[in-house]
Protein backbone atom coordinates (compact mmCIF):
# COMPACT_ATOMS: atom_id res chain seq x y z
CA ASP A 1 25.46 67.82 -40.37
CA ALA A 2 28.65 66.64 -38.67
CA GLU A 3 29.82 64.60 -41.66
CA ALA A 4 29.65 67.61 -43.97
CA GLU A 5 31.45 69.69 -41.34
CA VAL A 6 34.33 67.19 -41.26
CA ILE A 7 34.74 67.21 -45.05
CA ALA A 8 34.57 71.01 -45.07
CA LEU A 9 37.26 71.13 -42.38
CA ALA A 10 39.60 68.98 -44.46
CA ASP A 11 38.93 71.19 -47.48
CA ALA A 12 39.54 74.39 -45.50
CA THR A 13 42.81 73.01 -44.10
CA LEU A 14 44.21 72.35 -47.57
CA LYS A 15 43.05 75.75 -48.80
CA ASN A 16 44.74 77.46 -45.84
CA LEU A 17 47.96 75.60 -46.67
CA GLY A 18 47.75 77.05 -50.17
CA LEU A 19 47.04 73.83 -52.05
CA GLU A 20 44.88 74.37 -55.13
CA ASP A 21 44.92 71.41 -57.48
CA TYR A 22 43.05 68.66 -55.63
CA GLU A 23 39.71 66.82 -55.81
CA ILE A 24 37.40 65.67 -53.05
CA HIS A 25 35.53 62.42 -53.74
CA VAL A 26 32.59 61.49 -51.52
CA GLY A 27 30.80 58.15 -51.28
CA ASN A 28 29.00 55.83 -48.88
CA ILE A 29 30.45 52.45 -47.98
CA GLY A 30 27.07 51.47 -46.53
CA ILE A 31 25.80 51.07 -50.10
CA LEU A 32 28.48 48.48 -50.84
CA ARG A 33 27.90 46.68 -47.55
CA LYS A 34 24.14 46.39 -48.17
CA LEU A 35 24.66 45.01 -51.66
CA LEU A 36 27.07 42.41 -50.33
CA GLU A 37 24.71 41.48 -47.50
CA GLU A 38 21.95 40.86 -50.04
CA GLU A 39 24.30 38.31 -51.61
CA GLY A 40 24.80 36.68 -48.22
CA ILE A 41 28.31 38.09 -47.86
CA THR A 42 29.11 39.31 -44.36
CA GLY A 43 31.92 39.33 -41.82
CA GLU A 44 35.43 38.46 -42.91
CA LYS A 45 34.46 37.63 -46.47
CA GLN A 46 32.86 41.06 -46.84
CA SER A 47 36.03 42.68 -45.49
CA ILE A 48 38.14 40.83 -48.04
CA ILE A 49 35.97 42.10 -50.90
CA LEU A 50 35.98 45.69 -49.61
CA THR A 51 39.77 45.55 -49.33
CA ALA A 52 39.96 44.35 -52.93
CA ILE A 53 37.80 47.31 -53.98
CA ASP A 54 40.02 49.69 -52.03
CA LYS A 55 43.13 48.29 -53.72
CA GLY A 56 41.55 48.33 -57.19
CA GLU A 57 41.89 44.55 -57.61
CA LYS A 58 39.13 44.24 -60.20
CA GLU A 59 39.96 40.64 -61.10
CA LYS A 60 38.70 39.59 -57.65
CA LEU A 61 35.35 41.34 -58.18
CA GLU A 62 34.19 39.99 -61.54
CA ARG A 63 31.70 37.53 -60.03
CA TYR A 64 29.83 40.27 -58.15
CA GLU A 65 27.71 41.53 -61.02
CA ARG A 66 25.46 43.83 -58.97
CA LEU A 67 28.45 45.52 -57.39
CA LEU A 68 30.45 46.35 -60.50
CA PRO A 69 28.10 48.98 -62.02
CA ILE A 70 28.01 50.85 -58.71
CA LEU A 71 31.79 50.92 -58.45
CA GLU A 72 31.96 52.65 -61.85
CA LEU A 73 29.78 55.57 -60.72
CA ILE A 74 32.16 58.50 -60.35
CA GLY A 75 31.50 62.09 -61.38
CA GLU A 76 29.12 64.99 -61.02
CA GLU A 77 26.46 64.62 -58.33
CA LYS A 78 23.32 64.76 -60.48
CA LYS A 79 24.36 62.14 -63.03
CA VAL A 80 25.82 59.74 -60.48
CA ILE A 81 22.86 59.93 -58.10
CA GLU A 82 20.30 59.49 -60.88
CA LYS A 83 22.07 56.40 -62.19
CA ALA A 84 22.53 55.00 -58.68
CA GLU A 85 18.85 55.45 -57.87
CA GLU A 86 17.97 53.53 -61.00
CA LEU A 87 20.33 50.67 -60.08
CA LEU A 88 19.36 50.52 -56.40
CA LYS A 89 15.60 51.17 -56.50
CA ASN A 90 14.77 47.62 -55.37
CA SER A 91 17.70 47.24 -52.99
CA SER A 92 18.14 47.80 -49.26
CA ALA A 93 21.11 49.94 -50.27
CA TYR A 94 18.67 52.58 -51.54
CA GLU A 95 18.31 53.92 -48.00
CA GLU A 96 22.07 54.45 -47.75
CA LEU A 97 21.97 56.33 -51.05
CA GLN A 98 19.35 58.67 -49.62
CA LYS A 99 21.60 59.34 -46.63
CA LEU A 100 24.35 60.28 -49.06
CA LYS A 101 22.02 62.64 -50.92
CA GLU A 102 21.17 64.38 -47.65
CA LEU A 103 24.86 64.78 -46.81
CA LEU A 104 25.59 66.30 -50.22
CA LYS A 105 22.91 68.93 -49.64
CA PHE A 106 24.73 70.09 -46.52
CA LEU A 107 28.08 69.92 -48.28
CA ARG A 108 26.92 72.32 -50.98
CA HIS A 109 26.14 74.90 -48.26
CA TYR A 110 29.81 74.83 -47.30
CA ASN A 111 30.75 75.71 -50.91
CA VAL A 112 32.91 72.60 -51.11
CA ASP A 113 33.70 71.34 -54.61
CA PHE A 114 33.37 67.58 -54.79
CA LYS A 115 32.65 64.58 -56.96
CA VAL A 116 30.49 61.63 -56.00
CA ASN A 117 32.44 58.37 -56.04
CA LEU A 118 30.51 55.24 -55.09
CA GLY A 119 33.61 53.11 -55.57
CA ILE A 120 35.34 54.36 -52.41
CA ALA A 121 35.62 51.45 -49.98
CA ARG A 122 38.38 52.43 -47.51
CA GLY A 123 40.34 49.37 -46.46
CA LEU A 124 39.32 49.31 -42.78
CA ASP A 125 36.49 47.27 -41.28
CA TYR A 126 35.14 49.95 -38.99
CA TYR A 127 33.85 52.36 -41.68
CA THR A 128 30.06 52.28 -41.76
CA GLY A 129 28.59 55.08 -43.88
CA MET A 130 29.97 58.20 -45.50
CA VAL A 131 33.53 57.89 -46.80
CA PHE A 132 35.67 60.45 -48.60
CA GLU A 133 39.11 60.75 -50.12
CA ILE A 134 41.08 63.72 -51.43
CA TYR A 135 43.43 63.37 -54.39
CA SER A 136 46.26 65.49 -55.73
CA TYR A 137 46.74 64.27 -59.29
CA LYS A 138 50.15 65.90 -59.54
CA LEU A 139 51.41 63.02 -57.37
CA GLY A 140 50.63 60.34 -59.94
CA ALA A 141 49.68 56.88 -58.68
CA GLU A 142 50.22 57.85 -55.02
CA ARG A 143 47.69 60.65 -55.34
CA GLN A 144 45.62 60.24 -52.17
CA ILE A 145 46.50 62.90 -49.60
CA CYS A 146 43.55 62.55 -47.22
CA GLY A 147 40.90 60.01 -46.29
CA GLY A 148 38.17 59.58 -43.74
CA GLY A 149 34.52 58.92 -43.07
CA SER A 150 31.97 57.69 -40.56
CA TYR A 151 32.95 54.78 -38.37
CA SER A 152 32.21 52.94 -35.14
CA LEU A 153 35.06 51.79 -32.91
CA THR A 154 33.82 52.16 -29.33
CA GLU A 155 32.30 48.68 -29.09
CA VAL A 156 35.67 47.18 -30.00
CA PHE A 157 36.91 48.51 -26.67
CA GLY A 158 33.83 47.44 -24.73
CA GLY A 159 31.78 50.62 -25.07
CA GLU A 160 28.34 51.32 -26.45
CA PRO A 161 28.02 51.77 -30.24
CA THR A 162 28.74 55.44 -30.95
CA SER A 163 28.69 57.09 -34.35
CA THR A 164 31.97 58.83 -35.06
CA CYS A 165 33.43 60.75 -37.96
CA GLY A 166 36.96 61.82 -38.77
CA PHE A 167 39.82 61.96 -41.25
CA ALA A 168 43.59 61.92 -41.52
CA PHE A 169 46.06 63.58 -43.87
CA GLY A 170 49.03 61.80 -45.37
CA PHE A 171 51.48 64.43 -44.14
CA ASP A 172 54.33 63.52 -46.50
CA ARG A 173 52.00 63.49 -49.50
CA VAL A 174 50.51 66.87 -48.62
CA VAL A 175 54.02 68.31 -48.40
CA LEU A 176 54.93 66.77 -51.76
CA ALA A 177 51.75 68.14 -53.32
CA LEU A 178 52.59 71.62 -52.04
CA GLU A 179 56.07 71.29 -53.51
CA LYS A 180 54.66 70.16 -56.87
CA GLU A 181 52.53 73.31 -56.95
CA GLY A 182 55.53 75.47 -56.08
CA LYS A 183 54.08 76.53 -52.72
CA ILE A 184 57.08 75.31 -50.72
CA SER A 185 60.65 74.29 -51.43
CA LEU A 186 62.13 71.06 -50.10
CA GLY A 187 65.66 72.03 -50.94
CA LYS A 188 68.33 70.50 -48.71
CA ARG A 189 68.54 72.28 -45.38
CA LYS A 190 71.86 73.16 -43.84
CA SER A 191 73.08 70.87 -41.09
CA PHE A 192 76.37 70.95 -39.22
CA PHE A 193 78.82 68.53 -37.61
CA VAL A 194 81.33 70.18 -35.27
CA VAL A 195 84.77 68.58 -34.88
CA ALA A 196 87.50 69.61 -32.42
CA VAL A 197 91.02 69.01 -33.73
CA ASN A 198 92.10 67.80 -30.28
CA GLN A 199 90.59 66.75 -26.96
CA GLU A 200 91.48 70.04 -25.25
CA LEU A 201 89.11 71.93 -27.58
CA ILE A 202 85.95 69.88 -26.87
CA LYS A 203 84.50 72.60 -24.64
CA GLU A 204 85.04 75.20 -27.35
CA ALA A 205 83.44 72.85 -29.90
CA LEU A 206 80.41 72.47 -27.65
CA GLY A 207 80.13 76.23 -27.38
CA VAL A 208 80.23 76.55 -31.17
CA ALA A 209 77.54 73.87 -31.51
CA MET A 210 75.25 75.60 -29.01
CA LYS A 211 75.42 78.79 -31.04
CA ILE A 212 74.68 77.01 -34.32
CA ARG A 213 71.73 75.14 -32.78
CA GLU A 214 69.95 78.46 -32.38
CA LYS A 215 69.27 78.24 -36.11
CA TYR A 216 70.36 74.91 -37.61
CA PRO A 217 70.52 71.18 -36.76
CA CYS A 218 73.95 70.48 -35.32
CA GLU A 219 75.89 67.62 -33.72
CA VAL A 220 79.28 67.50 -32.04
CA ASP A 221 81.87 64.77 -32.46
CA LEU A 222 82.17 63.43 -28.92
CA MET A 223 83.86 60.22 -30.02
CA ARG A 224 87.16 62.05 -30.48
CA ARG A 225 87.63 60.72 -34.01
CA LYS A 226 90.61 61.66 -36.11
CA LEU A 227 89.71 64.40 -38.56
CA LYS A 228 89.64 62.09 -41.58
CA LYS A 229 87.27 59.65 -39.83
CA ALA A 230 85.11 62.50 -38.55
CA LEU A 231 84.70 63.82 -42.09
CA SER A 232 83.81 60.33 -43.32
CA TYR A 233 81.21 59.98 -40.57
CA ALA A 234 79.70 63.38 -41.42
CA ALA A 235 79.43 62.39 -45.09
CA THR A 236 77.73 59.12 -44.17
CA ARG A 237 75.20 60.95 -41.97
CA GLY A 238 74.46 63.46 -44.68
CA PHE A 239 75.58 66.66 -42.95
CA SER A 240 75.84 69.56 -45.37
CA HIS A 241 78.77 71.18 -43.54
CA VAL A 242 81.51 70.36 -41.05
CA ILE A 243 82.92 72.96 -38.69
CA ILE A 244 86.48 72.30 -37.63
CA VAL A 245 87.51 73.93 -34.36
CA GLY A 246 91.28 74.49 -34.23
CA GLU A 247 93.60 76.43 -31.94
CA GLU A 248 95.03 78.81 -34.52
CA GLU A 249 91.59 79.68 -35.93
CA LEU A 250 90.13 80.28 -32.45
CA LYS A 251 92.90 82.81 -31.69
CA LYS A 252 91.52 84.81 -34.62
CA GLY A 253 87.91 84.30 -33.50
CA LYS A 254 87.27 81.95 -36.40
CA VAL A 255 86.58 78.32 -37.29
CA ILE A 256 87.00 76.32 -40.49
CA LEU A 257 83.82 75.68 -42.47
CA ARG A 258 83.92 72.71 -44.87
CA ASP A 259 81.24 72.25 -47.53
CA MET A 260 80.67 68.50 -47.72
CA GLU A 261 79.35 68.62 -51.27
CA THR A 262 82.07 70.71 -52.91
CA ARG A 263 84.77 69.78 -50.34
CA GLU A 264 85.80 73.42 -50.24
CA GLN A 265 86.72 74.90 -46.88
CA LYS A 266 87.45 78.36 -45.55
CA GLU A 267 87.93 80.28 -42.33
CA ILE A 268 84.88 82.16 -41.12
CA THR A 269 83.44 83.69 -37.96
CA LEU A 270 80.36 82.17 -36.31
CA GLY A 271 78.47 85.31 -37.19
CA GLU A 272 78.92 84.53 -40.87
CA ILE A 273 77.19 81.17 -40.37
CA LEU A 274 74.28 82.55 -38.37
């Protein structure tokens, strides 16, 4: 089943990155849509309610009594499905629940750990059936690192209705989750700003910058600022180091390296930087 394959792909990607502490929640937005349709709620009004569900705005949902018990169904597959079947046995949403059950069978074959969450709405109109989200609880309230599901967009662009399935990672959140688990370090990376002490040394400064760029981010002061203003600019831009290219230092095959945090500076060769 393509939907199970997509969820398994997201799971495998996170595993290959080394992430360990995350949960996959799987649901079916079709169940929520059918329940709302039975109440005569379609179109824009339905979208507003699904957005409220997605944002957790429970105060906007209190009048929808049939919906609320379904939204609370989160947990292990057997218990959630049994309770959902009891609640939906006389509803058109029962068919969507059976589709979800079939998907979960395939998902187990992929050895994917998951929880069933019938409260997943996804805040976009084009989702139609299966939906899933992945959470890293080490991130607190901003815990979602991935989301996706089944959707139909082709008719929006004039094409024939075509079932589609996909997902997207929140790149920044995945990186933060990896850092929280100690898998990567986001310590400040070295970056350099090269300053020539006079106009005649611009070519030499460019040569120094080209060497540094082999390994680190580096910019050259081409505005011919005075040294004090160049240092101020570098501090504002957040460069970790400034390299000052001067005549006397070049005669010795050296430049001046200034640490912008400690304000300490010393003469070094380019080889010592690289």
